[in-house]
Amino acid sequence: MESELPTFKEKNPQLEVVTELIRGQHPHLKGFYKNKNERVVCVKNMTPEDILLYATRLRNALGRKVVKLRTRHVTKHPSVQGTWTTDVKF
């Protein structure tokens, strides 16, 4: 990863990339966003390609919190009469 990280840093000058060695902890990536949110991804036992993939995902993310959907069926115009089923008889 020591060879991959400097190239990632050069390709993305808008990012601040800092490396630090913390003994007794697993390696992880942290993303700090402008809206004061933070995301942490553990990269233990990953290949350098996978770590680079997670770093680009952290870069592309907006930093918003994950919102759990209340229902599986999401639509802009919900049905007034109810959802359609296969056993509807006319």
C-alpha atoms as a PDB file:
ATOM      1  CA  MET A   1       0.000   0.000   0.000  1.00  0.00           C
ATOM      2  CA  GLU A   2       2.988   2.283   0.494  1.00  0.00           C
ATOM      3  CA  SER A   3       3.434   2.407  -3.284  1.00  0.00           C
ATOM      4  CA  GLU A   4      -0.269   2.909  -4.106  1.00  0.00           C
ATOM      5  CA  LEU A   5      -1.034   5.712  -1.634  1.00  0.00           C
ATOM      6  CA  PRO A   6       1.338   8.377  -3.067  1.00  0.00           C
ATOM      7  CA  THR A   7      -0.131   7.918  -6.560  1.00  0.00           C
ATOM      8  CA  PHE A   8      -3.650   8.233  -5.120  1.00  0.00           C
ATOM      9  CA  LYS A   9      -2.523  11.399  -3.348  1.00  0.00           C
ATOM     10  CA  GLU A  10      -1.105  12.873  -6.568  1.00  0.00           C
ATOM     11  CA  LYS A  11      -4.256  12.086  -8.564  1.00  0.00           C
ATOM     12  CA  ASN A  12      -6.459  13.747  -5.919  1.00  0.00           C
ATOM     13  CA  PRO A  13      -4.802  17.015  -4.843  1.00  0.00           C
ATOM     14  CA  GLN A  14      -8.079  18.250  -3.289  1.00  0.00           C
ATOM     15  CA  LEU A  15      -7.801  15.538  -0.610  1.00  0.00           C
ATOM     16  CA  GLU A  16      -5.621  15.599   2.457  1.00  0.00           C
ATOM     17  CA  VAL A  17      -4.021  12.180   2.844  1.00  0.00           C
ATOM     18  CA  VAL A  18      -2.279  11.487   6.147  1.00  0.00           C
ATOM     19  CA  THR A  19      -0.710   8.197   7.200  1.00  0.00           C
ATOM     20  CA  GLU A  20      -0.019   7.275  10.789  1.00  0.00           C
ATOM     21  CA  LEU A  21       1.045   4.066  12.481  1.00  0.00           C
ATOM     22  CA  ILE A  22      -0.992   3.116  15.529  1.00  0.00           C
ATOM     23  CA  ARG A  23       0.283   0.007  17.247  1.00  0.00           C
ATOM     24  CA  GLY A  24      -2.260  -2.497  18.525  1.00  0.00           C
ATOM     25  CA  GLN A  25      -5.035  -1.466  16.110  1.00  0.00           C
ATOM     26  CA  HIS A  26      -6.166  -2.748  12.750  1.00  0.00           C
ATOM     27  CA  PRO A  27      -5.440  -0.561   9.743  1.00  0.00           C
ATOM     28  CA  HIS A  28      -8.385   1.611   8.706  1.00  0.00           C
ATOM     29  CA  LEU A  29      -9.322   4.472   6.403  1.00  0.00           C
ATOM     30  CA  LYS A  30     -11.094   7.530   7.761  1.00  0.00           C
ATOM     31  CA  GLY A  31     -13.020  10.022   5.703  1.00  0.00           C
ATOM     32  CA  PHE A  32     -13.775  13.458   7.165  1.00  0.00           C
ATOM     33  CA  TYR A  33     -16.373  15.454   5.252  1.00  0.00           C
ATOM     34  CA  LYS A  34     -17.270  19.151   5.135  1.00  0.00           C
ATOM     35  CA  ASN A  35     -20.584  18.554   6.890  1.00  0.00           C
ATOM     36  CA  LYS A  36     -18.590  17.327   9.935  1.00  0.00           C
ATOM     37  CA  ASN A  37     -19.442  13.661   9.398  1.00  0.00           C
ATOM     38  CA  GLU A  38     -16.884  10.892   9.528  1.00  0.00           C
ATOM     39  CA  ARG A  39     -16.725   7.435   7.944  1.00  0.00           C
ATOM     40  CA  VAL A  40     -14.338   4.692   8.975  1.00  0.00           C
ATOM     41  CA  VAL A  41     -13.555   1.592   6.894  1.00  0.00           C
ATOM     42  CA  CYS A  42     -11.475  -1.286   8.263  1.00  0.00           C
ATOM     43  CA  VAL A  43      -8.962  -2.549   5.700  1.00  0.00           C
ATOM     44  CA  LYS A  44      -7.552  -5.504   7.623  1.00  0.00           C
ATOM     45  CA  ASN A  45      -6.334  -8.373   5.372  1.00  0.00           C
ATOM     46  CA  MET A  46      -7.233  -6.529   2.138  1.00  0.00           C
ATOM     47  CA  THR A  47      -5.158  -6.325  -1.010  1.00  0.00           C
ATOM     48  CA  PRO A  48      -3.802  -2.916  -2.073  1.00  0.00           C
ATOM     49  CA  GLU A  49      -6.305  -2.870  -4.962  1.00  0.00           C
ATOM     50  CA  ASP A  50      -9.220  -3.334  -2.556  1.00  0.00           C
ATOM     51  CA  ILE A  51      -7.883  -0.613  -0.263  1.00  0.00           C
ATOM     52  CA  LEU A  52      -7.596   1.738  -3.244  1.00  0.00           C
ATOM     53  CA  LEU A  53     -11.188   0.888  -4.189  1.00  0.00           C
ATOM     54  CA  TYR A  54     -12.425   1.749  -0.683  1.00  0.00           C
ATOM     55  CA  ALA A  55     -10.406   4.975  -0.730  1.00  0.00           C
ATOM     56  CA  THR A  56     -12.077   6.034  -3.982  1.00  0.00           C
ATOM     57  CA  ARG A  57     -15.490   5.132  -2.535  1.00  0.00           C
ATOM     58  CA  LEU A  58     -14.790   7.334   0.478  1.00  0.00           C
ATOM     59  CA  ARG A  59     -13.713  10.108  -1.903  1.00  0.00           C
ATOM     60  CA  ASN A  60     -16.876   9.823  -4.001  1.00  0.00           C
ATOM     61  CA  ALA A  61     -19.254   9.667  -1.036  1.00  0.00           C
ATOM     62  CA  LEU A  62     -21.142  12.772   0.034  1.00  0.00           C
ATOM     63  CA  GLY A  63     -20.687  12.132   3.730  1.00  0.00           C
ATOM     64  CA  ARG A  64     -24.365  11.958   4.577  1.00  0.00           C
ATOM     65  CA  LYS A  65     -25.614   9.570   7.214  1.00  0.00           C
ATOM     66  CA  VAL A  66     -27.279   6.387   5.984  1.00  0.00           C
ATOM     67  CA  VAL A  67     -31.066   6.677   6.257  1.00  0.00           C
ATOM     68  CA  LYS A  68     -33.046   3.499   6.798  1.00  0.00           C
ATOM     69  CA  LEU A  69     -36.140   3.245   4.613  1.00  0.00           C
ATOM     70  CA  ARG A  70     -39.427   2.703   6.422  1.00  0.00           C
ATOM     71  CA  THR A  71     -40.935   0.469   3.728  1.00  0.00           C
ATOM     72  CA  ARG A  72     -39.581  -1.550   0.852  1.00  0.00           C
ATOM     73  CA  HIS A  73     -42.029   0.063  -1.576  1.00  0.00           C
ATOM     74  CA  VAL A  74     -41.012   3.661  -2.292  1.00  0.00           C
ATOM     75  CA  THR A  75     -42.874   5.761  -4.877  1.00  0.00           C
ATOM     76  CA  LYS A  76     -43.524   9.424  -5.614  1.00  0.00           C
ATOM     77  CA  HIS A  77     -47.272   8.889  -6.027  1.00  0.00           C
ATOM     78  CA  PRO A  78     -48.558   6.279  -3.567  1.00  0.00           C
ATOM     79  CA  SER A  79     -51.731   4.439  -4.485  1.00  0.00           C
ATOM     80  CA  VAL A  80     -54.916   5.658  -2.857  1.00  0.00           C
ATOM     81  CA  GLN A  81     -56.641   2.281  -3.163  1.00  0.00           C
ATOM     82  CA  GLY A  82     -53.722   0.155  -1.952  1.00  0.00           C
ATOM     83  CA  THR A  83     -50.902  -1.783  -3.551  1.00  0.00           C
ATOM     84  CA  TRP A  84     -51.555  -4.175  -6.436  1.00  0.00           C
ATOM     85  CA  THR A  85     -51.494  -7.927  -5.785  1.00  0.00           C
ATOM     86  CA  THR A  86     -51.854 -10.947  -8.073  1.00  0.00           C
ATOM     87  CA  ASP A  87     -55.093 -12.222  -6.540  1.00  0.00           C
ATOM     88  CA  VAL A  88     -57.196  -9.195  -7.516  1.00  0.00           C
ATOM     89  CA  LYS A  89     -60.636 -10.249  -8.815  1.00  0.00           C
ATOM     90  CA  PHE A  90     -62.711  -7.982 -11.031  1.00  0.00           C
END
